[in-house]
Amino acid sequence: MRILTALVICSIWRISTTNGTNQISQLLSRVENVENAVRKRNVVIEEQENRIRRLQLELQKERTQRLDTQAKLENRINQLTQRNDKLERCIDDQDGHIERLINQYQSQYADREKRKRFLTNGLETTAFHATLDHYTGLQHVRVGSTIPFPDVKLNIGGGYQNTSSVFVAPQAGVYVFSTSIMSFWNPNGELHAGIMKNGVYQAGAYVNDIGGPPEQGSVTISMLLGVGDRVWVQHVVHDDGTLYGDGLSSFMGCLIFTA
């Protein structure tokens, strides 16, 4: 601004020495116009600078907000990623657990099916059938005594001992036993035979022929036996009984499936 004024003054001085006062007035008017234009220009420049500063502040604010939003999004992504990894591990663990359960079930099912199938192989089957064949039967059967069935018709697996009339389980499993007794007339006329397991009463067959013809009673029972368990038929009630022979009294048992 000062430089411009000096130039104007020099010009005025020149003009005053050459062209006179009118030219000085014209120059002063032009100077004033220029100064006004410069002031207006300065105002515009200041407004633009203020606008630029506002835009810069807004841009900085927007950038800060964007960075903050980006940081929040990245944090959320990390959280979701960690959660997804955890869920995948849980799914893998559940898949492994399910697979183990399936394998365990299949193994148990196969074992159960193997145990439950009816046994026909001579190496696996256990079955016996013994009778009292003597025509005179058995007289004076005492309470607590083992009823003998010495005549063996079947003894697969060797579990039945005809000398003692006791079955000894050669393998663990579920067995079916049945006994049938036929009483021979006598003054007492009653007989109660029980299937015993290791000395414990399990089930019984009862006959009563007092004042009438001979009667036959029977009972069938299933039971779980372990290796070495003993089963026999015992007279449990009504002392001094009498049994028919001729195969009308019998004792049998067989293995249904192993356990």
C-alpha atoms as a PDB file:
ATOM      1  CA  MET A   1       0.000   0.000   0.000  1.00  0.00           C
ATOM      2  CA  ARG A   2       2.814   2.400   0.901  1.00  0.00           C
ATOM      3  CA  ILE A   3       4.653   1.589  -2.291  1.00  0.00           C
ATOM      4  CA  LEU A   4       1.539   2.325  -4.290  1.00  0.00           C
ATOM      5  CA  THR A   5       1.117   5.687  -2.513  1.00  0.00           C
ATOM      6  CA  ALA A   6       4.743   6.613  -3.199  1.00  0.00           C
ATOM      7  CA  LEU A   7       4.338   5.805  -6.852  1.00  0.00           C
ATOM      8  CA  VAL A   8       1.229   7.903  -6.971  1.00  0.00           C
ATOM      9  CA  ILE A   9       2.991  10.807  -5.286  1.00  0.00           C
ATOM     10  CA  CYS A  10       5.842  10.537  -7.761  1.00  0.00           C
ATOM     11  CA  SER A  11       3.402  10.529 -10.576  1.00  0.00           C
ATOM     12  CA  ILE A  12       1.636  13.528  -9.095  1.00  0.00           C
ATOM     13  CA  TRP A  13       4.884  15.307  -8.770  1.00  0.00           C
ATOM     14  CA  ARG A  14       5.682  14.632 -12.365  1.00  0.00           C
ATOM     15  CA  ILE A  15       2.272  15.611 -13.473  1.00  0.00           C
ATOM     16  CA  SER A  16       2.379  18.795 -11.405  1.00  0.00           C
ATOM     17  CA  THR A  17       5.545  19.787 -13.096  1.00  0.00           C
ATOM     18  CA  THR A  18       4.230  19.022 -16.551  1.00  0.00           C
ATOM     19  CA  ASN A  19       0.442  18.860 -16.911  1.00  0.00           C
ATOM     20  CA  GLY A  20      -0.923  20.773 -14.007  1.00  0.00           C
ATOM     21  CA  THR A  21      -3.427  20.563 -11.299  1.00  0.00           C
ATOM     22  CA  ASN A  22      -6.238  18.800 -13.231  1.00  0.00           C
ATOM     23  CA  GLN A  23      -4.233  15.731 -13.806  1.00  0.00           C
ATOM     24  CA  ILE A  24      -3.371  15.565 -10.079  1.00  0.00           C
ATOM     25  CA  SER A  25      -7.034  15.507  -9.184  1.00  0.00           C
ATOM     26  CA  GLN A  26      -7.691  12.746 -11.661  1.00  0.00           C
ATOM     27  CA  LEU A  27      -4.877  10.680 -10.243  1.00  0.00           C
ATOM     28  CA  LEU A  28      -6.063  11.167  -6.671  1.00  0.00           C
ATOM     29  CA  SER A  29      -9.509  10.002  -7.690  1.00  0.00           C
ATOM     30  CA  ARG A  30      -8.047   6.943  -9.352  1.00  0.00           C
ATOM     31  CA  VAL A  31      -5.959   6.216  -6.247  1.00  0.00           C
ATOM     32  CA  GLU A  32      -9.056   6.386  -4.069  1.00  0.00           C
ATOM     33  CA  ASN A  33     -10.863   4.024  -6.411  1.00  0.00           C
ATOM     34  CA  VAL A  34      -7.974   1.597  -6.306  1.00  0.00           C
ATOM     35  CA  GLU A  35      -7.830   1.744  -2.515  1.00  0.00           C
ATOM     36  CA  ASN A  36     -11.558   1.060  -2.314  1.00  0.00           C
ATOM     37  CA  ALA A  37     -11.188  -1.873  -4.647  1.00  0.00           C
ATOM     38  CA  VAL A  38      -8.270  -3.184  -2.558  1.00  0.00           C
ATOM     39  CA  ARG A  39     -10.322  -2.861   0.651  1.00  0.00           C
ATOM     40  CA  LYS A  40     -13.175  -4.756  -0.941  1.00  0.00           C
ATOM     41  CA  ARG A  41     -10.772  -7.348  -2.153  1.00  0.00           C
ATOM     42  CA  ASN A  42      -9.290  -7.654   1.351  1.00  0.00           C
ATOM     43  CA  VAL A  43     -12.765  -8.134   2.771  1.00  0.00           C
ATOM     44  CA  VAL A  44     -13.452 -10.896   0.254  1.00  0.00           C
ATOM     45  CA  ILE A  45     -10.093 -12.482   0.999  1.00  0.00           C
ATOM     46  CA  GLU A  46     -10.768 -12.367   4.752  1.00  0.00           C
ATOM     47  CA  GLU A  47     -14.189 -13.934   4.246  1.00  0.00           C
ATOM     48  CA  GLN A  48     -12.660 -16.667   2.122  1.00  0.00           C
ATOM     49  CA  GLU A  49      -9.952 -17.246   4.697  1.00  0.00           C
ATOM     50  CA  ASN A  50     -12.610 -17.497   7.441  1.00  0.00           C
ATOM     51  CA  ARG A  51     -14.575 -19.908   5.291  1.00  0.00           C
ATOM     52  CA  ILE A  52     -11.437 -21.940   4.648  1.00  0.00           C
ATOM     53  CA  ARG A  53     -10.763 -22.087   8.382  1.00  0.00           C
ATOM     54  CA  ARG A  54     -14.362 -23.199   9.032  1.00  0.00           C
ATOM     55  CA  LEU A  55     -14.062 -25.825   6.327  1.00  0.00           C
ATOM     56  CA  GLN A  56     -10.775 -27.003   7.792  1.00  0.00           C
ATOM     57  CA  LEU A  57     -12.361 -27.261  11.256  1.00  0.00           C
ATOM     58  CA  GLU A  58     -15.328 -29.143   9.825  1.00  0.00           C
ATOM     59  CA  LEU A  59     -12.979 -31.374   7.868  1.00  0.00           C
ATOM     60  CA  GLN A  60     -10.902 -32.029  10.973  1.00  0.00           C
ATOM     61  CA  LYS A  61     -14.039 -32.766  12.977  1.00  0.00           C
ATOM     62  CA  GLU A  62     -15.318 -35.089  10.285  1.00  0.00           C
ATOM     63  CA  ARG A  63     -11.933 -36.784  10.065  1.00  0.00           C
ATOM     64  CA  THR A  64     -11.888 -37.233  13.844  1.00  0.00           C
ATOM     65  CA  GLN A  65     -15.419 -38.642  13.775  1.00  0.00           C
ATOM     66  CA  ARG A  66     -14.484 -40.942  10.913  1.00  0.00           C
ATOM     67  CA  LEU A  67     -11.421 -42.176  12.774  1.00  0.00           C
ATOM     68  CA  ASP A  68     -13.487 -42.697  15.908  1.00  0.00           C
ATOM     69  CA  THR A  69     -16.139 -44.571  13.935  1.00  0.00           C
ATOM     70  CA  GLN A  70     -13.443 -46.628  12.229  1.00  0.00           C
ATOM     71  CA  ALA A  71     -11.885 -47.472  15.598  1.00  0.00           C
ATOM     72  CA  LYS A  72     -15.296 -48.504  16.967  1.00  0.00           C
ATOM     73  CA  LEU A  73     -15.969 -50.619  13.888  1.00  0.00           C
ATOM     74  CA  GLU A  74     -12.562 -52.275  14.134  1.00  0.00           C
ATOM     75  CA  ASN A  75     -13.164 -52.977  17.828  1.00  0.00           C
ATOM     76  CA  ARG A  76     -16.589 -54.430  17.011  1.00  0.00           C
ATOM     77  CA  ILE A  77     -15.071 -56.535  14.233  1.00  0.00           C
ATOM     78  CA  ASN A  78     -12.455 -57.838  16.660  1.00  0.00           C
ATOM     79  CA  GLN A  79     -15.167 -58.678  19.191  1.00  0.00           C
ATOM     80  CA  LEU A  80     -17.248 -60.450  16.555  1.00  0.00           C
ATOM     81  CA  THR A  81     -14.173 -62.278  15.285  1.00  0.00           C
ATOM     82  CA  GLN A  82     -13.326 -63.468  18.790  1.00  0.00           C
ATOM     83  CA  ARG A  83     -16.935 -64.509  19.350  1.00  0.00           C
ATOM     84  CA  ASN A  84     -16.976 -66.316  16.023  1.00  0.00           C
ATOM     85  CA  ASP A  85     -13.733 -68.123  16.915  1.00  0.00           C
ATOM     86  CA  LYS A  86     -15.227 -69.099  20.272  1.00  0.00           C
ATOM     87  CA  LEU A  87     -18.408 -70.343  18.598  1.00  0.00           C
ATOM     88  CA  GLU A  88     -16.373 -72.326  16.087  1.00  0.00           C
ATOM     89  CA  ARG A  89     -14.410 -73.921  18.915  1.00  0.00           C
ATOM     90  CA  CYS A  90     -17.670 -74.720  20.707  1.00  0.00           C
ATOM     91  CA  ILE A  91     -19.085 -76.205  17.504  1.00  0.00           C
ATOM     92  CA  ASP A  92     -15.925 -78.257  17.019  1.00  0.00           C
ATOM     93  CA  ASP A  93     -16.143 -79.462  20.624  1.00  0.00           C
ATOM     94  CA  GLN A  94     -19.827 -80.311  20.197  1.00  0.00           C
ATOM     95  CA  ASP A  95     -19.128 -82.088  16.918  1.00  0.00           C
ATOM     96  CA  GLY A  96     -16.412 -84.094  18.622  1.00  0.00           C
ATOM     97  CA  HIS A  97     -18.698 -84.845  21.569  1.00  0.00           C
ATOM     98  CA  ILE A  98     -21.518 -85.889  19.240  1.00  0.00           C
ATOM     99  CA  GLU A  99     -19.144 -88.067  17.261  1.00  0.00           C
ATOM    100  CA  ARG A 100     -17.911 -89.722  20.467  1.00  0.00           C
ATOM    101  CA  LEU A 101     -21.506 -90.287  21.594  1.00  0.00           C
ATOM    102  CA  ILE A 102     -22.378 -91.784  18.207  1.00  0.00           C
ATOM    103  CA  ASN A 103     -19.347 -94.065  18.341  1.00  0.00           C
ATOM    104  CA  GLN A 104     -20.155 -95.015  21.927  1.00  0.00           C
ATOM    105  CA  TYR A 105     -23.788 -95.692  21.053  1.00  0.00           C
ATOM    106  CA  GLN A 106     -22.827 -97.729  17.999  1.00  0.00           C
ATOM    107  CA  SER A 107     -20.368 -99.727  20.066  1.00  0.00           C
ATOM    108  CA  GLN A 108     -22.892-100.294  22.836  1.00  0.00           C
ATOM    109  CA  TYR A 109     -25.604-101.111  20.315  1.00  0.00           C
ATOM    110  CA  ALA A 110     -23.350-103.617  18.589  1.00  0.00           C
ATOM    111  CA  ASP A 111     -22.421-105.192  21.913  1.00  0.00           C
ATOM    112  CA  ARG A 112     -26.044-105.243  23.017  1.00  0.00           C
ATOM    113  CA  GLU A 113     -27.175-106.785  19.769  1.00  0.00           C
ATOM    114  CA  LYS A 114     -24.435-109.355  20.098  1.00  0.00           C
ATOM    115  CA  ARG A 115     -25.555-110.142  23.636  1.00  0.00           C
ATOM    116  CA  LYS A 116     -29.254-110.157  22.851  1.00  0.00           C
ATOM    117  CA  ARG A 117     -29.199-112.444  19.855  1.00  0.00           C
ATOM    118  CA  PHE A 118     -30.392-115.946  20.557  1.00  0.00           C
ATOM    119  CA  LEU A 119     -27.448-118.230  20.937  1.00  0.00           C
ATOM    120  CA  THR A 120     -27.225-121.217  18.618  1.00  0.00           C
ATOM    121  CA  ASN A 121     -23.504-121.748  18.462  1.00  0.00           C
ATOM    122  CA  GLY A 122     -22.412-124.705  20.524  1.00  0.00           C
ATOM    123  CA  LEU A 123     -19.570-122.721  22.032  1.00  0.00           C
ATOM    124  CA  GLU A 124     -21.882-119.967  23.264  1.00  0.00           C
ATOM    125  CA  THR A 125     -25.132-121.748  24.074  1.00  0.00           C
ATOM    126  CA  THR A 126     -25.939-122.944  27.572  1.00  0.00           C
ATOM    127  CA  ALA A 127     -29.038-125.116  27.962  1.00  0.00           C
ATOM    128  CA  PHE A 128     -30.107-128.174  29.952  1.00  0.00           C
ATOM    129  CA  HIS A 129     -33.137-130.397  30.557  1.00  0.00           C
ATOM    130  CA  ALA A 130     -33.318-133.042  33.264  1.00  0.00           C
ATOM    131  CA  THR A 131     -36.175-135.245  34.505  1.00  0.00           C
ATOM    132  CA  LEU A 132     -37.113-137.716  37.189  1.00  0.00           C
ATOM    133  CA  ASP A 133     -37.694-140.879  35.138  1.00  0.00           C
ATOM    134  CA  HIS A 134     -37.848-143.685  37.702  1.00  0.00           C
ATOM    135  CA  TYR A 135     -41.360-145.115  37.714  1.00  0.00           C
ATOM    136  CA  THR A 136     -41.480-145.238  41.509  1.00  0.00           C
ATOM    137  CA  GLY A 137     -40.877-141.497  41.651  1.00  0.00           C
ATOM    138  CA  LEU A 138     -39.544-139.954  44.826  1.00  0.00           C
ATOM    139  CA  GLN A 139     -41.025-140.497  48.262  1.00  0.00           C
ATOM    140  CA  HIS A 140     -40.581-138.769  51.606  1.00  0.00           C
ATOM    141  CA  VAL A 141     -39.342-135.481  50.170  1.00  0.00           C
ATOM    142  CA  ARG A 142     -38.254-133.345  53.099  1.00  0.00           C
ATOM    143  CA  VAL A 143     -38.565-129.559  53.429  1.00  0.00           C
ATOM    144  CA  GLY A 144     -35.240-127.938  52.574  1.00  0.00           C
ATOM    145  CA  SER A 145     -34.007-130.824  50.464  1.00  0.00           C
ATOM    146  CA  THR A 146     -32.970-130.506  46.827  1.00  0.00           C
ATOM    147  CA  ILE A 147     -35.368-132.256  44.468  1.00  0.00           C
ATOM    148  CA  PRO A 148     -33.263-134.523  42.271  1.00  0.00           C
ATOM    149  CA  PHE A 149     -33.553-134.669  38.490  1.00  0.00           C
ATOM    150  CA  PRO A 150     -30.881-137.255  37.646  1.00  0.00           C
ATOM    151  CA  ASP A 151     -31.950-138.118  34.115  1.00  0.00           C
ATOM    152  CA  VAL A 152     -30.256-135.583  31.813  1.00  0.00           C
ATOM    153  CA  LYS A 153     -31.828-135.101  28.401  1.00  0.00           C
ATOM    154  CA  LEU A 154     -29.763-132.054  27.363  1.00  0.00           C
ATOM    155  CA  ASN A 155     -26.712-130.374  28.863  1.00  0.00           C
ATOM    156  CA  ILE A 156     -25.102-127.962  26.380  1.00  0.00           C
ATOM    157  CA  GLY A 157     -22.313-126.024  28.010  1.00  0.00           C
ATOM    158  CA  GLY A 158     -21.968-128.480  30.895  1.00  0.00           C
ATOM    159  CA  GLY A 159     -23.633-126.232  33.459  1.00  0.00           C
ATOM    160  CA  TYR A 160     -26.009-128.845  34.900  1.00  0.00           C
ATOM    161  CA  GLN A 161     -24.587-131.298  37.422  1.00  0.00           C
ATOM    162  CA  ASN A 162     -26.804-134.377  37.499  1.00  0.00           C
ATOM    163  CA  THR A 163     -25.220-135.768  40.671  1.00  0.00           C
ATOM    164  CA  SER A 164     -26.323-132.741  42.700  1.00  0.00           C
ATOM    165  CA  SER A 165     -29.175-131.564  40.395  1.00  0.00           C
ATOM    166  CA  VAL A 166     -27.682-128.073  40.594  1.00  0.00           C
ATOM    167  CA  PHE A 167     -27.036-125.777  37.620  1.00  0.00           C
ATOM    168  CA  VAL A 168     -23.838-123.687  37.832  1.00  0.00           C
ATOM    169  CA  ALA A 169     -23.764-120.774  35.367  1.00  0.00           C
ATOM    170  CA  PRO A 170     -20.710-121.044  33.069  1.00  0.00           C
ATOM    171  CA  GLN A 171     -21.230-117.487  31.772  1.00  0.00           C
ATOM    172  CA  ALA A 172     -23.038-114.356  32.873  1.00  0.00           C
ATOM    173  CA  GLY A 173     -26.353-113.504  31.258  1.00  0.00           C
ATOM    174  CA  VAL A 174     -30.126-113.681  31.402  1.00  0.00           C
ATOM    175  CA  TYR A 175     -31.467-117.222  31.773  1.00  0.00           C
ATOM    176  CA  VAL A 176     -34.886-118.816  31.733  1.00  0.00           C
ATOM    177  CA  PHE A 177     -35.632-121.676  34.141  1.00  0.00           C
ATOM    178  CA  SER A 178     -38.701-123.850  34.463  1.00  0.00           C
ATOM    179  CA  THR A 179     -39.685-126.714  36.714  1.00  0.00           C
ATOM    180  CA  SER A 180     -42.684-128.997  36.560  1.00  0.00           C
ATOM    181  CA  ILE A 181     -43.651-131.302  39.434  1.00  0.00           C
ATOM    182  CA  MET A 182     -46.360-133.925  39.701  1.00  0.00           C
ATOM    183  CA  SER A 183     -47.432-135.161  43.110  1.00  0.00           C
ATOM    184  CA  PHE A 184     -48.184-138.763  43.895  1.00  0.00           C
ATOM    185  CA  TRP A 185     -51.113-139.425  46.187  1.00  0.00           C
ATOM    186  CA  ASN A 186     -50.171-139.672  49.852  1.00  0.00           C
ATOM    187  CA  PRO A 187     -51.836-138.776  53.156  1.00  0.00           C
ATOM    188  CA  ASN A 188     -50.221-135.325  53.111  1.00  0.00           C
ATOM    189  CA  GLY A 189     -50.853-134.686  49.416  1.00  0.00           C
ATOM    190  CA  GLU A 190     -49.288-131.203  49.196  1.00  0.00           C
ATOM    191  CA  LEU A 191     -45.954-130.219  47.767  1.00  0.00           C
ATOM    192  CA  HIS A 192     -44.402-126.807  47.165  1.00  0.00           C
ATOM    193  CA  ALA A 193     -41.221-126.732  45.065  1.00  0.00           C
ATOM    194  CA  GLY A 194     -39.224-123.523  44.681  1.00  0.00           C
ATOM    195  CA  ILE A 195     -36.561-122.463  42.188  1.00  0.00           C
ATOM    196  CA  MET A 196     -33.577-121.302  44.257  1.00  0.00           C
ATOM    197  CA  LYS A 197     -30.703-119.011  43.321  1.00  0.00           C
ATOM    198  CA  ASN A 198     -27.686-119.248  45.599  1.00  0.00           C
ATOM    199  CA  GLY A 199     -30.007-120.375  48.384  1.00  0.00           C
ATOM    200  CA  VAL A 200     -32.592-117.624  47.864  1.00  0.00           C
ATOM    201  CA  TYR A 201     -36.155-118.503  46.879  1.00  0.00           C
ATOM    202  CA  GLN A 202     -37.125-117.045  43.465  1.00  0.00           C
ATOM    203  CA  ALA A 203     -40.443-118.680  42.437  1.00  0.00           C
ATOM    204  CA  GLY A 204     -42.426-121.792  43.175  1.00  0.00           C
ATOM    205  CA  ALA A 205     -44.779-124.478  41.856  1.00  0.00           C
ATOM    206  CA  TYR A 206     -47.517-125.920  44.069  1.00  0.00           C
ATOM    207  CA  VAL A 207     -49.621-129.117  43.852  1.00  0.00           C
ATOM    208  CA  ASN A 208     -52.342-130.553  46.074  1.00  0.00           C
ATOM    209  CA  ASP A 209     -53.855-133.991  45.380  1.00  0.00           C
ATOM    210  CA  ILE A 210     -55.514-134.631  48.750  1.00  0.00           C
ATOM    211  CA  GLY A 211     -58.662-136.590  48.074  1.00  0.00           C
ATOM    212  CA  GLY A 212     -58.252-136.545  44.323  1.00  0.00           C
ATOM    213  CA  PRO A 213     -56.084-137.583  41.363  1.00  0.00           C
ATOM    214  CA  PRO A 214     -52.449-136.551  41.005  1.00  0.00           C
ATOM    215  CA  GLU A 215     -51.828-132.906  40.097  1.00  0.00           C
ATOM    216  CA  GLN A 216     -49.046-131.243  38.184  1.00  0.00           C
ATOM    217  CA  GLY A 217     -47.746-127.724  38.861  1.00  0.00           C
ATOM    218  CA  SER A 218     -45.103-125.692  37.079  1.00  0.00           C
ATOM    219  CA  VAL A 219     -43.376-122.320  37.148  1.00  0.00           C
ATOM    220  CA  THR A 220     -41.143-120.479  34.667  1.00  0.00           C
ATOM    221  CA  ILE A 221     -38.855-117.608  35.602  1.00  0.00           C
ATOM    222  CA  SER A 222     -36.114-115.512  34.055  1.00  0.00           C
ATOM    223  CA  MET A 223     -33.164-114.280  36.087  1.00  0.00           C
ATOM    224  CA  LEU A 224     -29.795-112.617  35.699  1.00  0.00           C
ATOM    225  CA  LEU A 225     -26.871-114.833  36.656  1.00  0.00           C
ATOM    226  CA  GLY A 226     -23.201-114.203  37.080  1.00  0.00           C
ATOM    227  CA  VAL A 227     -20.510-116.752  36.433  1.00  0.00           C
ATOM    228  CA  GLY A 228     -20.663-119.425  39.136  1.00  0.00           C
ATOM    229  CA  ASP A 229     -24.190-118.629  40.369  1.00  0.00           C
ATOM    230  CA  ARG A 230     -26.082-121.772  41.402  1.00  0.00           C
ATOM    231  CA  VAL A 231     -29.715-122.651  40.636  1.00  0.00           C
ATOM    232  CA  TRP A 232     -31.706-125.685  41.788  1.00  0.00           C
ATOM    233  CA  VAL A 233     -35.210-126.842  42.761  1.00  0.00           C
ATOM    234  CA  GLN A 234     -35.947-127.278  46.452  1.00  0.00           C
ATOM    235  CA  HIS A 235     -38.882-128.558  48.477  1.00  0.00           C
ATOM    236  CA  VAL A 236     -39.826-125.514  50.565  1.00  0.00           C
ATOM    237  CA  VAL A 237     -43.175-126.260  52.265  1.00  0.00           C
ATOM    238  CA  HIS A 238     -45.229-129.317  53.384  1.00  0.00           C
ATOM    239  CA  ASP A 239     -42.897-131.995  54.665  1.00  0.00           C
ATOM    240  CA  ASP A 240     -42.797-135.632  53.539  1.00  0.00           C
ATOM    241  CA  GLY A 241     -44.031-135.094  49.966  1.00  0.00           C
ATOM    242  CA  THR A 242     -44.069-137.585  47.098  1.00  0.00           C
ATOM    243  CA  LEU A 243     -43.241-136.987  43.414  1.00  0.00           C
ATOM    244  CA  TYR A 244     -44.225-138.895  40.305  1.00  0.00           C
ATOM    245  CA  GLY A 245     -41.475-140.238  38.060  1.00  0.00           C
ATOM    246  CA  ASP A 246     -41.833-141.332  34.447  1.00  0.00           C
ATOM    247  CA  GLY A 247     -40.557-137.934  33.249  1.00  0.00           C
ATOM    248  CA  LEU A 248     -43.589-136.099  34.675  1.00  0.00           C
ATOM    249  CA  SER A 249     -41.364-134.008  36.944  1.00  0.00           C
ATOM    250  CA  SER A 250     -38.604-132.000  35.277  1.00  0.00           C
ATOM    251  CA  PHE A 251     -36.187-129.085  35.520  1.00  0.00           C
ATOM    252  CA  MET A 252     -34.816-127.075  32.576  1.00  0.00           C
ATOM    253  CA  GLY A 253     -32.985-123.844  31.826  1.00  0.00           C
ATOM    254  CA  CYS A 254     -31.279-121.988  28.985  1.00  0.00           C
ATOM    255  CA  LEU A 255     -29.261-118.839  28.338  1.00  0.00           C
ATOM    256  CA  ILE A 256     -31.186-116.127  26.466  1.00  0.00           C
ATOM    257  CA  PHE A 257     -28.373-113.582  26.028  1.00  0.00           C
ATOM    258  CA  THR A 258     -25.080-112.847  27.665  1.00  0.00           C
ATOM    259  CA  ALA A 259     -24.544-109.847  29.910  1.00  0.00           C
END
